[in-house]
Amino acid sequence: VQLQASGGGLVQAGGSLRLSCAASGSIGRINTTGWYRQAPGKPRELVAIISTGGDTNYADSVKGRFTISRDNAKNTVYLQMNTLKPEDTANYYCNIKWGSAYVMNYWGKGTQVTVSS
């Protein structure tokens, strides 16, 4: 399984970015896909995740500003980030997982998001 993320960059506070993550390989038909982020000196944290059925979960810090969506036919997940803040600056990682008794869990390489004040 490979996860290819794109869309990071440098943006001013209040601006927007859209991240994409395309999954390829032998992927579980029913899965949860999403984004985590890690700022320097901080642990990795959940940003937003979405299930195959469309159920979503967001970090409180991004609710109302970020929207996660997915295209199951393309095995691609998107993160629309609006009203970006300097504290959103981090390396953003795509993740996909599936399974119950035995969980398959994969990470993509990070894409850097930098928000200037």
N, C-alpha and C. Protein backbone atom coordinates (compact mmCIF):
# COMPACT_ATOMS: atom_id res chain seq x y z
N VAL A 1 0.86 -1.19 0.00
CA VAL A 1 0.00 0.00 0.00
C VAL A 1 0.90 1.23 0.00
N GLN A 2 0.55 2.17 -0.87
CA GLN A 2 1.27 3.45 -0.91
C GLN A 2 0.29 4.59 -0.81
N LEU A 3 0.70 5.63 -0.10
CA LEU A 3 -0.11 6.83 0.06
C LEU A 3 0.70 8.00 -0.48
N GLN A 4 0.14 8.68 -1.45
CA GLN A 4 0.83 9.81 -2.08
C GLN A 4 0.09 11.08 -1.73
N ALA A 5 0.72 11.91 -0.90
CA ALA A 5 0.10 13.16 -0.46
C ALA A 5 0.63 14.33 -1.26
N SER A 6 -0.21 15.32 -1.43
CA SER A 6 0.19 16.54 -2.14
C SER A 6 -0.67 17.70 -1.66
N GLY A 7 -0.23 18.92 -2.00
CA GLY A 7 -1.03 20.09 -1.72
C GLY A 7 -0.51 21.00 -0.62
N GLY A 8 0.55 20.59 0.06
CA GLY A 8 1.10 21.45 1.10
C GLY A 8 1.75 22.68 0.51
N GLY A 9 2.13 23.61 1.38
CA GLY A 9 2.80 24.81 0.90
C GLY A 9 2.81 25.90 1.94
N LEU A 10 3.16 27.09 1.48
CA LEU A 10 3.23 28.27 2.34
C LEU A 10 2.04 29.18 2.03
N VAL A 11 1.35 29.59 3.07
CA VAL A 11 0.18 30.45 2.89
C VAL A 11 0.12 31.45 4.05
N GLN A 12 -0.47 32.59 3.79
CA GLN A 12 -0.65 33.58 4.85
C GLN A 12 -1.83 33.20 5.74
N ALA A 13 -1.79 33.67 6.96
CA ALA A 13 -2.90 33.44 7.88
C ALA A 13 -4.20 33.93 7.24
N GLY A 14 -5.24 33.13 7.40
CA GLY A 14 -6.52 33.44 6.80
C GLY A 14 -6.71 32.81 5.43
N GLY A 15 -5.65 32.27 4.88
CA GLY A 15 -5.71 31.66 3.57
C GLY A 15 -6.19 30.23 3.61
N SER A 16 -6.16 29.58 2.43
CA SER A 16 -6.68 28.22 2.29
C SER A 16 -5.68 27.34 1.55
N LEU A 17 -5.74 26.07 1.85
CA LEU A 17 -4.99 25.05 1.12
C LEU A 17 -5.85 23.80 1.03
N ARG A 18 -5.59 23.00 0.02
CA ARG A 18 -6.29 21.72 -0.12
C ARG A 18 -5.27 20.61 -0.25
N LEU A 19 -5.31 19.67 0.67
CA LEU A 19 -4.43 18.51 0.63
C LEU A 19 -5.15 17.35 -0.04
N SER A 20 -4.39 16.56 -0.76
CA SER A 20 -4.92 15.34 -1.37
C SER A 20 -4.04 14.17 -0.99
N CYS A 21 -4.63 13.00 -0.90
CA CYS A 21 -3.87 11.78 -0.61
C CYS A 21 -4.48 10.64 -1.41
N ALA A 22 -3.70 10.11 -2.32
CA ALA A 22 -4.15 9.01 -3.16
C ALA A 22 -3.54 7.71 -2.66
N ALA A 23 -4.39 6.73 -2.43
CA ALA A 23 -3.93 5.42 -1.96
C ALA A 23 -3.91 4.43 -3.11
N SER A 24 -2.89 3.59 -3.12
CA SER A 24 -2.79 2.55 -4.15
C SER A 24 -2.32 1.26 -3.50
N GLY A 25 -2.59 0.15 -4.19
CA GLY A 25 -2.22 -1.15 -3.66
C GLY A 25 -3.43 -1.92 -3.18
N SER A 26 -3.19 -2.93 -2.37
CA SER A 26 -4.27 -3.79 -1.87
C SER A 26 -4.88 -3.16 -0.62
N ILE A 27 -5.92 -2.40 -0.83
CA ILE A 27 -6.54 -1.61 0.24
C ILE A 27 -7.83 -2.28 0.67
N GLY A 28 -8.05 -2.30 1.97
CA GLY A 28 -9.29 -2.84 2.49
C GLY A 28 -10.47 -2.05 1.98
N ARG A 29 -11.49 -2.79 1.55
CA ARG A 29 -12.66 -2.12 0.94
C ARG A 29 -13.33 -1.18 1.94
N ILE A 30 -13.38 -1.59 3.19
CA ILE A 30 -13.97 -0.74 4.23
C ILE A 30 -12.81 -0.24 5.08
N ASN A 31 -12.61 1.06 5.08
CA ASN A 31 -11.44 1.61 5.78
C ASN A 31 -11.72 2.99 6.33
N THR A 32 -10.81 3.45 7.12
CA THR A 32 -10.84 4.82 7.64
C THR A 32 -9.57 5.51 7.16
N THR A 33 -9.74 6.67 6.56
CA THR A 33 -8.62 7.42 6.00
C THR A 33 -8.64 8.82 6.57
N GLY A 34 -7.46 9.40 6.72
CA GLY A 34 -7.47 10.76 7.24
C GLY A 34 -6.11 11.38 7.35
N TRP A 35 -6.09 12.46 8.10
CA TRP A 35 -4.90 13.28 8.22
C TRP A 35 -4.54 13.47 9.68
N TYR A 36 -3.24 13.40 9.92
CA TYR A 36 -2.65 13.72 11.21
C TYR A 36 -1.58 14.78 10.94
N ARG A 37 -1.16 15.47 11.97
CA ARG A 37 -0.11 16.47 11.79
C ARG A 37 0.84 16.45 12.96
N GLN A 38 2.05 16.91 12.68
CA GLN A 38 3.07 16.97 13.72
C GLN A 38 3.89 18.23 13.55
N ALA A 39 3.86 19.06 14.56
CA ALA A 39 4.66 20.28 14.59
C ALA A 39 5.97 19.97 15.31
N PRO A 40 7.00 20.75 15.07
CA PRO A 40 8.30 20.49 15.72
C PRO A 40 8.17 20.47 17.24
N GLY A 41 8.70 19.41 17.85
CA GLY A 41 8.69 19.30 19.30
C GLY A 41 7.37 18.86 19.90
N LYS A 42 6.42 18.53 19.03
CA LYS A 42 5.11 18.11 19.52
C LYS A 42 4.78 16.71 19.01
N PRO A 43 3.90 15.99 19.70
CA PRO A 43 3.51 14.67 19.22
C PRO A 43 2.58 14.78 18.01
N ARG A 44 2.51 13.70 17.27
CA ARG A 44 1.58 13.66 16.14
C ARG A 44 0.15 13.66 16.68
N GLU A 45 -0.72 14.43 16.03
CA GLU A 45 -2.10 14.53 16.49
C GLU A 45 -3.07 14.34 15.33
N LEU A 46 -4.25 13.86 15.66
CA LEU A 46 -5.30 13.69 14.66
C LEU A 46 -5.81 15.06 14.22
N VAL A 47 -6.01 15.18 12.91
CA VAL A 47 -6.64 16.38 12.36
C VAL A 47 -8.07 16.05 11.97
N ALA A 48 -8.23 15.07 11.08
CA ALA A 48 -9.56 14.67 10.63
C ALA A 48 -9.47 13.30 10.00
N ILE A 49 -10.51 12.49 10.21
CA ILE A 49 -10.58 11.18 9.58
C ILE A 49 -11.98 10.98 9.02
N ILE A 50 -12.07 10.09 8.03
CA ILE A 50 -13.35 9.81 7.40
C ILE A 50 -13.40 8.33 7.05
N SER A 51 -14.55 7.72 7.30
CA SER A 51 -14.72 6.31 7.00
C SER A 51 -15.21 6.13 5.57
N THR A 52 -15.21 4.89 5.13
CA THR A 52 -15.72 4.60 3.79
C THR A 52 -17.16 5.06 3.65
N GLY A 53 -17.91 4.94 4.73
CA GLY A 53 -19.31 5.34 4.70
C GLY A 53 -19.54 6.84 4.85
N GLY A 54 -18.47 7.60 5.10
CA GLY A 54 -18.60 9.05 5.17
C GLY A 54 -18.66 9.62 6.58
N ASP A 55 -18.56 8.77 7.59
CA ASP A 55 -18.53 9.30 8.95
C ASP A 55 -17.20 10.03 9.18
N THR A 56 -17.28 11.18 9.84
CA THR A 56 -16.09 12.01 10.03
C THR A 56 -15.82 12.29 11.50
N ASN A 57 -14.58 12.62 11.78
CA ASN A 57 -14.19 13.02 13.13
C ASN A 57 -13.10 14.07 12.97
N TYR A 58 -13.26 15.19 13.67
CA TYR A 58 -12.32 16.30 13.57
C TYR A 58 -11.72 16.64 14.93
N ALA A 59 -10.50 17.12 14.91
CA ALA A 59 -9.94 17.72 16.11
C ALA A 59 -10.71 19.00 16.42
N ASP A 60 -10.89 19.30 17.69
CA ASP A 60 -11.64 20.50 18.06
C ASP A 60 -11.01 21.75 17.47
N SER A 61 -9.70 21.76 17.34
CA SER A 61 -8.99 22.95 16.88
C SER A 61 -9.25 23.28 15.42
N VAL A 62 -9.79 22.33 14.66
CA VAL A 62 -10.01 22.58 13.23
C VAL A 62 -11.48 22.55 12.85
N LYS A 63 -12.35 22.22 13.77
CA LYS A 63 -13.78 22.17 13.47
C LYS A 63 -14.26 23.52 12.97
N GLY A 64 -15.04 23.47 11.89
CA GLY A 64 -15.55 24.70 11.31
C GLY A 64 -14.62 25.35 10.31
N ARG A 65 -13.36 24.90 10.27
CA ARG A 65 -12.39 25.48 9.32
C ARG A 65 -11.92 24.45 8.29
N PHE A 66 -11.80 23.22 8.70
CA PHE A 66 -11.31 22.15 7.82
C PHE A 66 -12.47 21.23 7.44
N THR A 67 -12.42 20.72 6.22
CA THR A 67 -13.41 19.75 5.77
C THR A 67 -12.70 18.59 5.10
N ILE A 68 -13.00 17.38 5.57
CA ILE A 68 -12.42 16.19 4.97
C ILE A 68 -13.46 15.53 4.09
N SER A 69 -13.01 15.01 2.96
CA SER A 69 -13.91 14.32 2.05
C SER A 69 -13.12 13.22 1.34
N ARG A 70 -13.84 12.34 0.66
CA ARG A 70 -13.14 11.27 -0.03
C ARG A 70 -13.88 10.87 -1.29
N ASP A 71 -13.13 10.32 -2.22
CA ASP A 71 -13.66 9.76 -3.45
C ASP A 71 -13.28 8.29 -3.43
N ASN A 72 -14.24 7.44 -3.09
CA ASN A 72 -13.93 6.02 -2.93
C ASN A 72 -13.51 5.39 -4.26
N ALA A 73 -14.06 5.86 -5.35
CA ALA A 73 -13.71 5.29 -6.66
C ALA A 73 -12.25 5.56 -6.99
N LYS A 74 -11.72 6.66 -6.50
CA LYS A 74 -10.33 7.04 -6.78
C LYS A 74 -9.40 6.72 -5.61
N ASN A 75 -9.95 6.17 -4.54
CA ASN A 75 -9.15 5.90 -3.34
C ASN A 75 -8.37 7.14 -2.90
N THR A 76 -9.06 8.27 -2.93
CA THR A 76 -8.41 9.54 -2.62
C THR A 76 -9.18 10.27 -1.53
N VAL A 77 -8.45 10.86 -0.61
CA VAL A 77 -9.05 11.65 0.44
C VAL A 77 -8.52 13.08 0.33
N TYR A 78 -9.38 14.02 0.65
CA TYR A 78 -9.04 15.44 0.53
C TYR A 78 -9.22 16.13 1.88
N LEU A 79 -8.43 17.16 2.10
CA LEU A 79 -8.59 17.99 3.29
C LEU A 79 -8.59 19.44 2.84
N GLN A 80 -9.76 20.05 2.87
CA GLN A 80 -9.88 21.47 2.55
C GLN A 80 -9.66 22.26 3.83
N MET A 81 -8.65 23.11 3.82
CA MET A 81 -8.29 23.86 5.01
C MET A 81 -8.51 25.35 4.74
N ASN A 82 -9.44 25.91 5.46
CA ASN A 82 -9.76 27.33 5.32
C ASN A 82 -9.41 28.08 6.60
N THR A 83 -9.34 29.39 6.47
CA THR A 83 -9.03 30.26 7.62
C THR A 83 -7.84 29.71 8.39
N LEU A 84 -6.78 29.45 7.69
CA LEU A 84 -5.60 28.86 8.31
C LEU A 84 -4.96 29.82 9.31
N LYS A 85 -4.41 29.23 10.36
CA LYS A 85 -3.77 29.98 11.43
C LYS A 85 -2.31 29.55 11.54
N PRO A 86 -1.45 30.40 12.07
CA PRO A 86 -0.04 30.00 12.25
C PRO A 86 0.10 28.70 13.04
N GLU A 87 -0.79 28.46 13.97
CA GLU A 87 -0.70 27.22 14.77
C GLU A 87 -1.07 25.97 13.98
N ASP A 88 -1.54 26.14 12.76
CA ASP A 88 -1.78 25.00 11.88
C ASP A 88 -0.50 24.54 11.19
N THR A 89 0.56 25.30 11.35
CA THR A 89 1.83 24.94 10.74
C THR A 89 2.33 23.60 11.27
N ALA A 90 2.57 22.66 10.36
CA ALA A 90 3.00 21.31 10.75
C ALA A 90 3.27 20.50 9.50
N ASN A 91 3.81 19.33 9.72
CA ASN A 91 3.92 18.34 8.67
C ASN A 91 2.65 17.49 8.74
N TYR A 92 1.94 17.40 7.65
CA TYR A 92 0.66 16.70 7.62
C TYR A 92 0.85 15.32 6.98
N TYR A 93 0.36 14.31 7.68
CA TYR A 93 0.54 12.92 7.26
C TYR A 93 -0.81 12.29 6.93
N CYS A 94 -0.85 11.59 5.82
CA CYS A 94 -2.03 10.84 5.43
C CYS A 94 -1.95 9.44 6.05
N ASN A 95 -3.09 8.93 6.44
CA ASN A 95 -3.15 7.62 7.08
C ASN A 95 -4.34 6.84 6.57
N ILE A 96 -4.18 5.52 6.45
CA ILE A 96 -5.30 4.65 6.11
C ILE A 96 -5.21 3.41 6.97
N LYS A 97 -6.35 2.95 7.47
CA LYS A 97 -6.36 1.76 8.29
C LYS A 97 -7.64 0.99 8.06
N TRP A 98 -7.55 -0.33 8.26
CA TRP A 98 -8.74 -1.18 8.17
C TRP A 98 -8.48 -2.45 8.95
N GLY A 99 -9.57 -3.17 9.19
CA GLY A 99 -9.46 -4.42 9.93
C GLY A 99 -9.99 -4.26 11.33
N SER A 100 -10.26 -5.39 11.97
CA SER A 100 -10.74 -5.36 13.35
C SER A 100 -9.84 -6.20 14.24
N ALA A 101 -9.87 -7.52 14.04
CA ALA A 101 -9.01 -8.39 14.85
C ALA A 101 -7.53 -8.10 14.57
N TYR A 102 -7.24 -7.78 13.33
CA TYR A 102 -5.87 -7.43 12.94
C TYR A 102 -5.94 -6.17 12.11
N VAL A 103 -5.41 -5.08 12.63
CA VAL A 103 -5.53 -3.78 11.97
C VAL A 103 -4.34 -3.54 11.06
N MET A 104 -4.65 -3.21 9.81
CA MET A 104 -3.64 -2.78 8.85
C MET A 104 -3.58 -1.26 8.91
N ASN A 105 -2.40 -0.71 9.05
CA ASN A 105 -2.25 0.73 9.30
C ASN A 105 -1.06 1.24 8.48
N TYR A 106 -1.33 2.21 7.60
CA TYR A 106 -0.28 2.71 6.72
C TYR A 106 -0.21 4.23 6.78
N TRP A 107 1.02 4.74 6.64
CA TRP A 107 1.25 6.19 6.65
C TRP A 107 1.92 6.62 5.36
N GLY A 108 1.54 7.80 4.91
CA GLY A 108 2.23 8.41 3.79
C GLY A 108 3.34 9.31 4.29
N LYS A 109 4.19 9.76 3.38
CA LYS A 109 5.19 10.76 3.73
C LYS A 109 4.46 12.08 3.97
N GLY A 110 4.98 12.87 4.86
CA GLY A 110 4.31 14.11 5.21
C GLY A 110 4.40 15.16 4.13
N THR A 111 3.47 16.07 4.18
CA THR A 111 3.51 17.26 3.32
C THR A 111 3.46 18.48 4.25
N GLN A 112 4.39 19.40 4.03
CA GLN A 112 4.54 20.52 4.95
C GLN A 112 3.53 21.62 4.65
N VAL A 113 2.89 22.06 5.72
CA VAL A 113 1.99 23.22 5.64
C VAL A 113 2.58 24.29 6.56
N THR A 114 2.84 25.47 5.99
CA THR A 114 3.39 26.57 6.77
C THR A 114 2.47 27.78 6.61
N VAL A 115 2.00 28.29 7.74
CA VAL A 115 1.10 29.44 7.74
C VAL A 115 1.83 30.61 8.38
N SER A 116 2.02 31.65 7.61
CA SER A 116 2.72 32.82 8.12
C SER A 116 1.73 33.83 8.71
N SER A 117 2.17 34.55 9.71
CA SER A 117 1.28 35.52 10.37
C SER A 117 1.38 36.89 9.71
